[in-house]
Amino acid sequence: MDINVNYKRLARNYTLMTDSYEYKMASGYLKSKKEDDIAVFDVFFRKIPNGGGYAIMAGLDKVISFIQNLKFEESDLWYFRRYGYDDEFINYLKNFKFTGDIYAISDGTPVFPNEPLITVKAPIIEAQIIETALLSIINGAMEHATGARRIVEASRGAGVMEFGSRRADGPEAALDASMYAIMAGCVGTSNVLAANMLGMEALGTMAHSWIESFNSEYDAFLSYAKIYPDNCILLVDTIDTLRSGVPNAIRVFNYMKEHKLNTDNIGIRIDSGDLSYLSKEAYKMLVQAGFGNAKIVLSNGLNAETIESLIVQGAKFDMLGVGDNISKPEGRMGCVYKLVAITENNKLIPKIKLSNDRIKIVNPDFKKLYRIYDKKSGYALADVMCRWSEKIDREELVIVSLNDPTKRALVSDFELVELQKPIFVNGQLVYDDLNILQKQRYCDEQMKLLYDEIKRSKMPHQYYVDGTESYVEFRNNMIEETRCKVRKIVSK
């Protein structure tokens, strides 16, 4: 259990954190007597950032908090009075409470394009007004978690420390980066607030300003070693890494040894220059001086590709400090929130959004999503979706590409695991969310079930997200029927 249980994961009430058109539509639904219509929306993304092979689901903890605290205060209602919304809508909001269902994939799960991460089934006004905040939470959380996991995978067992708070877009983004980085596999964070929330000690070494504040580099190192002998990691690149920093660090380690100070947790950090060359040369110097146990920490704008390059070059390191590419990773998730079904005459009717761009065609209807695991190897083979009411074959299953029905495969000797879990049912929380450290263990376990070819950072193998034969036939028929209607209208 997280230690600081009293810390609010959301800093404020985000009920109004919604695009204006959501409320315009909500008011319009009320005037159109559609407030009791049940709508189904899917949250999904179309493309993995940075050419990666997977993304990491994250943010469910904040979604839960957001939904539980969803209410309109009197100060919120003044906004609607001030800008011309009528009393009927304001009275509706005054008594507002989320009463719908939410299904979601658990945080820490590797996920893939065009599959429903979260499904909201609720009265249409309720479903509509949560869109913006929900997307904001999930997009940000997944960007941090996905960026962090790619770096963890690239490090091949070296501990990754999250150092990105100062680069984040504000304090809440900094906190998210730290929390979701740890969830995705980082060993810790320099962010004291996040570490305190998790009952962990924050990680870190020293800044260049520490060295510059003393008369000499040696004096700075020695003072630090005397104050922190049990965790003495010295920043060696302020002046000259190999001609000054490392020699002075070795002098201090010798001092510690001679004065019987603890030398079990000593090391150096290199934060600039040719990290591969410098780390190898520094390692030789440390070994020659009798300090082969000294840890080498590398930092300075590291990402998955540079880490893999360092490994190929034989760089020497035990730990990595990564900031920018976790707190502000390149690329974006681009999760969207699309209507896939709505009630008409008390019957749930599938809906579809078409596009000339095939990648933007939405997978219609209220669905279930399964992950197929090979029973012999345990590896994940593919994800498959079907209509909610469909009985899926668990002995032999034909899976079909959603975009090319000629691409199909027969799967046997497999295990099916449903990915989405019920989170809210009739507005009540029914999901026991794990804490961040439990999610970290879960994420590690799930990543081990992916083939290495999917996890590599360059030109990864594409993981298959398919449908059952029945679902793909239904989907393609719906696409064709919708296009036929359009053609008939145009021809009139």
Protein backbone atom coordinates (compact mmCIF):
# COMPACT_ATOMS: atom_id res chain seq x y z
CA MET A 1 0.00 0.00 0.00
CA ASP A 2 1.22 3.52 -0.77
CA ILE A 3 2.48 5.21 2.39
CA ASN A 4 1.11 8.72 1.94
CA VAL A 5 -2.52 7.72 1.48
CA ASN A 6 -3.80 11.21 2.32
CA TYR A 7 -2.22 12.83 -0.73
CA LYS A 8 -4.85 13.72 -3.33
CA ARG A 9 -3.83 12.28 -6.69
CA LEU A 10 -5.78 15.07 -8.40
CA ALA A 11 -4.91 18.51 -7.12
CA ARG A 12 -8.34 20.02 -7.74
CA ASN A 13 -11.87 19.36 -8.95
CA TYR A 14 -11.57 18.86 -12.72
CA THR A 15 -15.31 18.76 -13.50
CA LEU A 16 -15.08 21.92 -15.62
CA MET A 17 -11.89 20.75 -17.35
CA THR A 18 -13.87 20.04 -20.49
CA ASP A 19 -13.97 21.59 -23.95
CA SER A 20 -16.82 24.02 -24.44
CA TYR A 21 -18.55 22.00 -27.14
CA GLU A 22 -19.06 19.11 -24.69
CA TYR A 23 -21.39 21.33 -22.63
CA LYS A 24 -23.00 22.78 -25.74
CA MET A 25 -23.82 19.23 -26.86
CA ALA A 26 -24.85 18.21 -23.33
CA SER A 27 -27.35 21.08 -23.13
CA GLY A 28 -28.55 20.18 -26.61
CA TYR A 29 -29.07 16.54 -25.63
CA LEU A 30 -31.21 17.69 -22.70
CA LYS A 31 -33.34 19.92 -24.94
CA SER A 32 -33.66 17.04 -27.44
CA LYS A 33 -34.89 14.71 -24.66
CA LYS A 34 -31.93 12.43 -25.20
CA GLU A 35 -30.53 12.56 -21.67
CA ASP A 36 -31.55 8.95 -20.99
CA ASP A 37 -30.04 7.57 -24.20
CA ILE A 38 -27.16 5.21 -23.36
CA ALA A 39 -24.01 5.87 -25.38
CA VAL A 40 -20.87 3.78 -25.71
CA PHE A 41 -17.53 5.53 -26.29
CA ASP A 42 -14.13 3.91 -26.80
CA VAL A 43 -10.78 5.45 -25.90
CA PHE A 44 -7.98 4.28 -28.20
CA PHE A 45 -4.92 5.49 -30.09
CA ARG A 46 -4.06 4.97 -33.74
CA LYS A 47 -0.28 5.09 -33.75
CA ILE A 48 2.49 4.27 -31.28
CA PRO A 49 4.78 7.25 -30.57
CA ASN A 50 8.33 7.31 -31.89
CA GLY A 51 7.92 4.23 -34.09
CA GLY A 52 7.71 1.95 -31.04
CA GLY A 53 6.24 -1.53 -30.97
CA TYR A 54 4.02 -1.08 -27.91
CA ALA A 55 2.62 1.47 -25.48
CA ILE A 56 1.99 1.14 -21.75
CA MET A 57 -1.48 1.70 -20.32
CA ALA A 58 -1.42 4.27 -17.52
CA GLY A 59 -3.58 6.86 -15.79
CA LEU A 60 -6.41 4.66 -14.56
CA ASP A 61 -5.71 5.73 -10.97
CA LYS A 62 -6.40 9.36 -11.89
CA VAL A 63 -9.46 8.45 -13.97
CA ILE A 64 -10.93 6.70 -10.93
CA SER A 65 -10.30 9.75 -8.77
CA PHE A 66 -11.75 12.06 -11.44
CA ILE A 67 -15.00 10.08 -11.75
CA GLN A 68 -15.41 9.72 -7.99
CA ASN A 69 -15.10 13.48 -7.50
CA LEU A 70 -17.24 14.49 -10.47
CA LYS A 71 -19.70 17.10 -9.22
CA PHE A 72 -20.66 20.69 -9.93
CA GLU A 73 -20.02 23.14 -7.12
CA GLU A 74 -22.04 26.33 -6.85
CA SER A 75 -19.05 28.26 -8.21
CA ASP A 76 -19.06 25.97 -11.26
CA LEU A 77 -22.75 26.58 -11.88
CA TRP A 78 -22.13 30.32 -11.96
CA TYR A 79 -20.14 29.82 -15.15
CA PHE A 80 -23.22 28.43 -16.89
CA ARG A 81 -25.49 31.15 -15.52
CA ARG A 82 -23.03 33.82 -16.63
CA TYR A 83 -22.84 32.55 -20.20
CA GLY A 84 -26.48 31.98 -21.01
CA TYR A 85 -27.22 28.34 -20.21
CA ASP A 86 -30.85 27.93 -19.13
CA ASP A 87 -32.18 26.90 -15.72
CA GLU A 88 -33.18 23.43 -16.95
CA PHE A 89 -29.56 22.56 -17.79
CA ILE A 90 -28.18 24.22 -14.64
CA ASN A 91 -30.63 22.24 -12.48
CA TYR A 92 -29.57 19.08 -14.30
CA LEU A 93 -25.93 19.79 -13.47
CA LYS A 94 -26.77 20.67 -9.86
CA ASN A 95 -27.94 17.09 -9.30
CA PHE A 96 -25.31 15.52 -11.53
CA LYS A 97 -23.69 12.20 -10.62
CA PHE A 98 -21.96 9.70 -12.89
CA THR A 99 -24.24 6.64 -13.09
CA GLY A 100 -22.69 4.71 -15.97
CA ASP A 101 -20.25 1.85 -16.52
CA ILE A 102 -16.56 2.11 -17.29
CA TYR A 103 -14.37 -0.76 -18.48
CA ALA A 104 -10.61 -0.39 -18.83
CA ILE A 105 -7.34 -2.23 -19.39
CA SER A 106 -5.26 -2.30 -16.20
CA ASP A 107 -2.39 0.15 -15.74
CA GLY A 108 0.98 -1.35 -16.66
CA THR A 109 -0.39 -3.49 -19.50
CA PRO A 110 1.34 -3.26 -22.89
CA VAL A 111 -1.28 -2.07 -25.39
CA PHE A 112 -1.52 -1.51 -29.12
CA PRO A 113 -3.22 0.69 -31.74
CA ASN A 114 -6.96 0.70 -32.43
CA GLU A 115 -7.98 -1.43 -29.45
CA PRO A 116 -10.31 -0.03 -26.76
CA LEU A 117 -8.24 0.99 -23.73
CA ILE A 118 -11.26 2.39 -21.91
CA THR A 119 -14.94 1.95 -22.75
CA VAL A 120 -17.56 4.26 -21.27
CA LYS A 121 -21.19 3.12 -21.34
CA ALA A 122 -23.39 5.77 -19.79
CA PRO A 123 -26.24 8.22 -20.38
CA ILE A 124 -25.00 10.34 -23.25
CA ILE A 125 -24.62 13.61 -21.32
CA GLU A 126 -22.52 11.88 -18.64
CA ALA A 127 -20.39 10.13 -21.24
CA GLN A 128 -19.91 13.32 -23.25
CA ILE A 129 -18.78 15.72 -20.56
CA ILE A 130 -16.01 13.46 -19.18
CA GLU A 131 -14.26 13.20 -22.57
CA THR A 132 -11.69 15.98 -22.33
CA ALA A 133 -10.43 15.33 -18.82
CA LEU A 134 -10.31 11.59 -19.40
CA LEU A 135 -8.24 12.00 -22.57
CA SER A 136 -5.95 14.52 -20.92
CA ILE A 137 -5.26 12.11 -18.06
CA ILE A 138 -4.67 9.06 -20.25
CA ASN A 139 -2.60 10.77 -22.95
CA GLY A 140 -0.19 12.31 -20.45
CA ALA A 141 0.13 9.23 -18.27
CA MET A 142 0.73 6.89 -21.21
CA GLU A 143 3.36 9.16 -22.73
CA HIS A 144 5.36 9.11 -19.48
CA ALA A 145 4.91 5.37 -18.91
CA THR A 146 5.65 4.38 -22.51
CA GLY A 147 8.72 6.59 -22.73
CA ALA A 148 10.01 5.22 -19.42
CA ARG A 149 9.43 1.58 -20.35
CA ARG A 150 11.28 1.91 -23.65
CA ILE A 151 14.26 3.24 -21.72
CA VAL A 152 13.99 0.48 -19.10
CA GLU A 153 13.93 -2.16 -21.85
CA ALA A 154 16.91 -0.56 -23.61
CA SER A 155 18.97 -0.47 -20.39
CA ARG A 156 19.09 -4.30 -20.21
CA GLY A 157 19.00 -4.52 -16.46
CA ALA A 158 20.83 -1.34 -15.46
CA GLY A 159 18.78 0.66 -12.99
CA VAL A 160 17.01 3.68 -14.48
CA MET A 161 16.45 6.69 -12.22
CA GLU A 162 13.83 9.28 -13.23
CA PHE A 163 15.33 12.78 -13.08
CA GLY A 164 12.82 14.74 -15.17
CA SER A 165 10.78 16.90 -12.79
CA ARG A 166 12.44 20.18 -13.78
CA ARG A 167 11.74 19.55 -17.47
CA ALA A 168 8.03 18.78 -17.03
CA ASP A 169 5.18 21.05 -18.02
CA GLY A 170 4.30 22.08 -14.47
CA PRO A 171 4.26 20.42 -11.04
CA GLU A 172 1.41 17.97 -11.72
CA ALA A 173 3.06 16.77 -14.93
CA ALA A 174 6.31 16.37 -12.98
CA LEU A 175 4.54 14.24 -10.39
CA ASP A 176 2.88 12.15 -13.10
CA ALA A 177 6.22 11.61 -14.84
CA SER A 178 7.78 10.35 -11.62
CA MET A 179 4.89 8.09 -10.63
CA TYR A 180 4.31 6.53 -14.04
CA ALA A 181 8.04 6.12 -14.66
CA ILE A 182 8.29 4.03 -11.50
CA MET A 183 5.15 2.14 -12.50
CA ALA A 184 6.82 1.36 -15.85
CA GLY A 185 9.98 0.00 -14.24
CA CYS A 186 12.28 2.83 -13.11
CA VAL A 187 14.01 2.02 -9.83
CA GLY A 188 13.22 5.40 -8.34
CA THR A 189 12.94 9.14 -8.79
CA SER A 190 14.69 12.32 -7.72
CA ASN A 191 11.24 13.86 -7.06
CA VAL A 192 10.93 13.96 -3.27
CA LEU A 193 7.15 14.43 -3.32
CA ALA A 194 6.60 11.36 -5.50
CA ALA A 195 9.09 9.33 -3.48
CA ASN A 196 7.40 10.35 -0.23
CA MET A 197 4.01 9.30 -1.60
CA LEU A 198 5.44 5.86 -2.33
CA GLY A 199 7.33 5.47 0.92
CA MET A 200 10.63 5.48 -0.94
CA GLU A 201 13.83 7.43 -0.52
CA ALA A 202 14.35 9.88 -3.37
CA LEU A 203 17.44 9.24 -5.51
CA GLY A 204 20.11 11.65 -6.66
CA THR A 205 23.73 12.70 -6.46
CA MET A 206 24.87 16.34 -6.60
CA ALA A 207 24.76 19.23 -9.05
CA HIS A 208 27.67 21.07 -10.63
CA SER A 209 26.88 24.02 -8.35
CA TRP A 210 28.06 21.96 -5.35
CA ILE A 211 31.52 21.58 -6.88
CA GLU A 212 31.65 25.21 -7.99
CA SER A 213 30.77 26.44 -4.51
CA PHE A 214 34.06 25.06 -3.10
CA ASN A 215 37.62 26.26 -3.69
CA SER A 216 38.52 23.02 -5.47
CA GLU A 217 36.88 19.96 -6.92
CA TYR A 218 38.72 17.78 -4.40
CA ASP A 219 37.41 19.84 -1.47
CA ALA A 220 33.87 19.56 -2.83
CA PHE A 221 34.16 15.77 -3.19
CA LEU A 222 35.77 15.29 0.21
CA SER A 223 33.16 17.38 1.99
CA TYR A 224 30.37 15.43 0.32
CA ALA A 225 31.99 12.09 1.18
CA LYS A 226 32.28 13.03 4.84
CA ILE A 227 28.61 14.08 4.97
CA TYR A 228 27.21 11.20 2.87
CA PRO A 229 29.65 8.27 3.16
CA ASP A 230 26.87 5.70 2.76
CA ASN A 231 25.81 7.02 -0.63
CA CYS A 232 28.78 8.80 -2.14
CA ILE A 233 28.23 9.31 -5.87
CA LEU A 234 30.49 12.10 -7.16
CA LEU A 235 29.77 14.20 -10.26
CA VAL A 236 33.06 14.14 -12.17
CA ASP A 237 32.54 16.24 -15.31
CA THR A 238 32.51 19.81 -13.95
CA ILE A 239 36.12 20.56 -14.98
CA ASP A 240 37.64 17.62 -16.90
CA THR A 241 36.28 14.13 -16.42
CA LEU A 242 39.43 12.06 -16.90
CA ARG A 243 42.14 14.53 -15.90
CA SER A 244 40.42 16.05 -12.88
CA GLY A 245 37.08 14.51 -11.92
CA VAL A 246 37.93 10.82 -11.79
CA PRO A 247 41.42 11.34 -10.22
CA ASN A 248 39.88 13.52 -7.51
CA ALA A 249 37.14 10.98 -6.92
CA ILE A 250 39.77 8.26 -6.50
CA ARG A 251 41.68 10.46 -4.02
CA VAL A 252 38.50 10.84 -1.98
CA PHE A 253 37.75 7.10 -2.12
CA ASN A 254 41.25 6.44 -0.83
CA TYR A 255 40.66 8.95 1.98
CA MET A 256 37.43 7.15 2.88
CA LYS A 257 39.23 3.81 2.89
CA GLU A 258 42.10 5.11 5.05
CA HIS A 259 39.69 6.67 7.55
CA LYS A 260 37.50 3.57 7.64
CA LEU A 261 34.46 5.27 6.11
CA ASN A 262 31.98 3.03 4.30
CA THR A 263 33.07 2.43 0.68
CA ASP A 264 30.32 -0.04 -0.22
CA ASN A 265 28.23 2.62 -1.97
CA ILE A 266 30.69 4.82 -3.81
CA GLY A 267 30.61 5.85 -7.43
CA ILE A 268 30.82 8.55 -10.07
CA ARG A 269 28.32 10.25 -12.38
CA ILE A 270 29.21 11.48 -15.87
CA ASP A 271 26.79 14.05 -17.29
CA SER A 272 28.48 15.31 -20.47
CA GLY A 273 30.86 14.42 -23.26
CA ASP A 274 31.35 11.10 -25.03
CA LEU A 275 29.68 8.90 -22.44
CA SER A 276 30.89 5.66 -23.99
CA TYR A 277 34.56 6.63 -24.16
CA LEU A 278 34.59 8.43 -20.81
CA SER A 279 32.83 5.62 -18.95
CA LYS A 280 35.23 2.98 -20.30
CA GLU A 281 38.29 5.04 -19.43
CA ALA A 282 36.89 5.95 -16.01
CA TYR A 283 36.19 2.29 -15.31
CA LYS A 284 39.80 1.37 -16.12
CA MET A 285 41.05 4.08 -13.77
CA LEU A 286 38.75 2.96 -10.95
CA VAL A 287 39.74 -0.69 -11.32
CA GLN A 288 43.43 0.17 -11.42
CA ALA A 289 42.99 2.17 -8.21
CA GLY A 290 41.28 -0.77 -6.51
CA PHE A 291 37.75 0.58 -6.68
CA GLY A 292 36.18 -1.76 -9.20
CA ASN A 293 33.08 -1.82 -6.99
CA ALA A 294 32.43 1.89 -7.63
CA LYS A 295 29.19 2.47 -9.49
CA ILE A 296 29.18 4.43 -12.73
CA VAL A 297 26.10 6.53 -13.38
CA LEU A 298 25.48 8.09 -16.79
CA SER A 299 23.08 10.93 -17.56
CA ASN A 300 22.59 13.71 -20.15
CA GLY A 301 19.61 13.50 -22.50
CA LEU A 302 19.50 9.71 -22.70
CA ASN A 303 16.84 7.92 -24.69
CA ALA A 304 16.30 4.30 -25.76
CA GLU A 305 18.36 4.62 -28.94
CA THR A 306 21.36 6.28 -27.26
CA ILE A 307 21.30 3.72 -24.44
CA GLU A 308 21.30 0.84 -26.92
CA SER A 309 24.17 2.52 -28.78
CA LEU A 310 26.13 2.86 -25.52
CA ILE A 311 25.68 -0.85 -24.86
CA VAL A 312 26.83 -1.76 -28.37
CA GLN A 313 29.92 0.41 -27.86
CA GLY A 314 30.74 -1.38 -24.61
CA ALA A 315 30.09 1.59 -22.32
CA LYS A 316 30.50 0.89 -18.61
CA PHE A 317 27.59 1.84 -16.39
CA ASP A 318 25.51 0.51 -13.51
CA MET A 319 22.80 3.16 -13.39
CA LEU A 320 21.23 5.69 -15.72
CA GLY A 321 19.68 9.04 -14.85
CA VAL A 322 17.00 9.97 -17.38
CA GLY A 323 15.00 13.19 -17.36
CA ASP A 324 13.67 14.82 -20.52
CA ASN A 325 12.73 11.63 -22.34
CA ILE A 326 10.44 10.54 -19.52
CA SER A 327 8.99 13.85 -18.36
CA LYS A 328 8.67 15.21 -21.92
CA PRO A 329 9.16 12.32 -24.34
CA GLU A 330 9.08 12.97 -28.06
CA GLY A 331 5.87 12.01 -29.84
CA ARG A 332 2.37 11.90 -28.40
CA MET A 333 -0.17 9.18 -27.74
CA GLY A 334 -3.01 10.90 -29.56
CA CYS A 335 -5.74 8.93 -27.77
CA VAL A 336 -9.22 9.71 -29.06
CA TYR A 337 -12.74 9.22 -27.68
CA LYS A 338 -15.23 7.94 -30.25
CA LEU A 339 -18.90 7.00 -30.15
CA VAL A 340 -19.32 3.33 -31.14
CA ALA A 341 -22.94 2.63 -30.12
CA ILE A 342 -26.08 4.38 -28.84
CA THR A 343 -29.56 3.32 -27.75
CA GLU A 344 -32.44 3.86 -30.14
CA ASN A 345 -35.89 2.70 -29.02
CA ASN A 346 -34.23 0.95 -26.05
CA LYS A 347 -31.94 -1.03 -28.34
CA LEU A 348 -28.18 -0.53 -28.52
CA ILE A 349 -27.33 0.36 -32.11
CA PRO A 350 -23.70 0.22 -33.35
CA LYS A 351 -22.27 3.42 -34.81
CA ILE A 352 -19.27 3.97 -37.06
CA LYS A 353 -17.15 6.92 -38.14
CA LEU A 354 -15.86 6.55 -41.69
CA SER A 355 -12.94 8.34 -43.29
CA ASN A 356 -11.07 8.40 -46.58
CA ASP A 357 -8.04 7.61 -44.44
CA ARG A 358 -8.45 3.92 -43.59
CA ILE A 359 -6.54 4.24 -40.31
CA LYS A 360 -9.22 6.64 -39.03
CA ILE A 361 -12.17 4.26 -39.48
CA VAL A 362 -13.50 3.49 -36.00
CA ASN A 363 -14.19 -0.09 -34.88
CA PRO A 364 -17.93 0.00 -34.17
CA ASP A 365 -20.15 -1.42 -31.43
CA PHE A 366 -19.85 -2.37 -27.78
CA LYS A 367 -16.98 -4.87 -27.78
CA LYS A 368 -14.85 -7.25 -25.76
CA LEU A 369 -11.09 -7.43 -26.16
CA TYR A 370 -9.02 -10.53 -25.51
CA ARG A 371 -5.30 -11.29 -25.49
CA ILE A 372 -4.28 -14.63 -26.98
CA TYR A 373 -1.39 -16.43 -25.24
CA ASP A 374 0.41 -19.45 -26.61
CA LYS A 375 0.02 -22.22 -24.01
CA LYS A 376 3.43 -23.73 -24.71
CA SER A 377 5.61 -20.61 -24.68
CA GLY A 378 3.37 -18.29 -22.66
CA TYR A 379 4.00 -15.45 -25.13
CA ALA A 380 1.25 -13.11 -26.30
CA LEU A 381 0.34 -13.86 -29.92
CA ALA A 382 -2.30 -11.24 -30.75
CA ASP A 383 -5.25 -9.28 -29.40
CA VAL A 384 -8.69 -10.00 -30.79
CA MET A 385 -11.94 -8.09 -30.46
CA CYS A 386 -15.51 -9.26 -30.85
CA ARG A 387 -19.00 -7.95 -30.25
CA TRP A 388 -20.03 -7.92 -26.60
CA SER A 389 -22.62 -10.71 -27.01
CA GLU A 390 -20.44 -12.95 -29.21
CA LYS A 391 -19.50 -16.39 -27.86
CA ILE A 392 -15.83 -16.75 -28.69
CA ASP A 393 -14.34 -20.16 -29.57
CA ARG A 394 -11.69 -21.15 -27.01
CA GLU A 395 -10.50 -24.30 -28.81
CA GLU A 396 -9.76 -23.16 -32.35
CA LEU A 397 -10.06 -19.54 -33.27
CA VAL A 398 -9.73 -17.80 -36.63
CA ILE A 399 -8.46 -14.25 -36.25
CA VAL A 400 -8.78 -11.81 -39.13
CA SER A 401 -7.08 -8.51 -39.93
CA LEU A 402 -9.47 -5.61 -39.42
CA ASN A 403 -8.18 -3.84 -42.53
CA ASP A 404 -7.49 -6.79 -44.83
CA PRO A 405 -9.87 -9.78 -44.44
CA THR A 406 -7.57 -11.89 -46.66
CA LYS A 407 -5.06 -11.89 -43.81
CA ARG A 408 -6.20 -14.49 -41.31
CA ALA A 409 -4.76 -17.13 -39.03
CA LEU A 410 -6.03 -20.22 -37.24
CA VAL A 411 -4.97 -20.29 -33.59
CA SER A 412 -5.05 -23.41 -31.42
CA ASP A 413 -3.62 -24.52 -28.06
CA PHE A 414 -4.05 -21.04 -26.66
CA GLU A 415 -5.34 -19.20 -23.61
CA LEU A 416 -7.68 -16.23 -23.82
CA VAL A 417 -7.57 -13.44 -21.26
CA GLU A 418 -10.11 -10.62 -21.36
CA LEU A 419 -8.18 -7.35 -21.17
CA GLN A 420 -10.79 -4.84 -20.06
CA LYS A 421 -11.97 -5.02 -16.45
CA PRO A 422 -15.11 -3.40 -15.02
CA ILE A 423 -14.06 -0.25 -13.16
CA PHE A 424 -17.42 1.42 -12.47
CA VAL A 425 -20.80 -0.31 -12.66
CA ASN A 426 -23.91 1.87 -12.34
CA GLY A 427 -21.65 4.65 -11.14
CA GLN A 428 -20.15 2.59 -8.31
CA LEU A 429 -16.44 1.75 -8.15
CA VAL A 430 -16.02 -2.04 -8.34
CA TYR A 431 -12.30 -2.20 -9.15
CA ASP A 432 -9.55 -2.68 -6.58
CA ASP A 433 -6.77 -0.55 -8.06
CA LEU A 434 -3.19 -1.56 -7.29
CA ASN A 435 -0.66 0.88 -5.91
CA ILE A 436 2.23 2.09 -8.08
CA LEU A 437 4.78 -0.44 -6.82
CA GLN A 438 2.34 -3.33 -7.36
CA LYS A 439 1.70 -2.00 -10.86
CA GLN A 440 5.45 -1.94 -11.46
CA ARG A 441 5.68 -5.67 -10.73
CA TYR A 442 2.64 -6.32 -12.92
CA CYS A 443 4.14 -4.31 -15.79
CA ASP A 444 7.41 -6.25 -15.55
CA GLU A 445 5.48 -9.54 -15.69
CA GLN A 446 3.40 -8.47 -18.67
CA MET A 447 6.40 -7.20 -20.65
CA LYS A 448 8.09 -10.59 -20.27
CA LEU A 449 5.18 -12.09 -22.22
CA LEU A 450 5.97 -10.03 -25.35
CA TYR A 451 8.43 -11.31 -27.94
CA ASP A 452 11.71 -9.37 -28.02
CA GLU A 453 11.04 -8.45 -31.65
CA ILE A 454 8.03 -6.39 -30.53
CA LYS A 455 10.02 -4.63 -27.78
CA ARG A 456 13.03 -3.55 -29.83
CA SER A 457 13.32 0.21 -30.32
CA LYS A 458 14.17 0.15 -34.04
CA MET A 459 11.80 -1.32 -36.62
CA PRO A 460 9.85 -3.46 -34.15
CA HIS A 461 7.69 -6.33 -35.30
CA GLN A 462 4.03 -5.31 -35.55
CA TYR A 463 1.84 -6.91 -32.90
CA TYR A 464 -1.50 -8.02 -34.31
CA VAL A 465 -4.79 -6.48 -33.21
CA ASP A 466 -7.43 -8.45 -35.07
CA GLY A 467 -11.08 -9.43 -34.90
CA THR A 468 -13.00 -12.66 -34.92
CA GLU A 469 -14.38 -13.73 -38.30
CA SER A 470 -17.83 -12.69 -37.14
CA TYR A 471 -16.73 -9.25 -35.97
CA VAL A 472 -14.70 -8.42 -39.08
CA GLU A 473 -17.62 -9.47 -41.32
CA PHE A 474 -20.00 -7.31 -39.25
CA ARG A 475 -17.59 -4.36 -39.37
CA ASN A 476 -16.98 -4.55 -43.12
CA ASN A 477 -20.70 -4.96 -43.85
CA MET A 478 -21.41 -1.89 -41.75
CA ILE A 479 -18.77 0.11 -43.62
CA GLU A 480 -20.23 -0.92 -46.97
CA GLU A 481 -23.84 -0.27 -45.89
CA THR A 482 -22.92 3.20 -44.63
CA ARG A 483 -21.12 4.04 -47.85
CA CYS A 484 -24.06 2.78 -49.91
CA LYS A 485 -26.38 5.13 -48.02
CA VAL A 486 -24.04 8.02 -48.76
CA ARG A 487 -23.91 7.12 -52.45
CA LYS A 488 -27.73 6.98 -52.64
CA ILE A 489 -28.02 10.41 -50.99
CA VAL A 490 -25.43 11.92 -53.31
CA SER A 491 -27.09 10.44 -56.41
CA LYS A 492 -30.50 12.00 -55.64
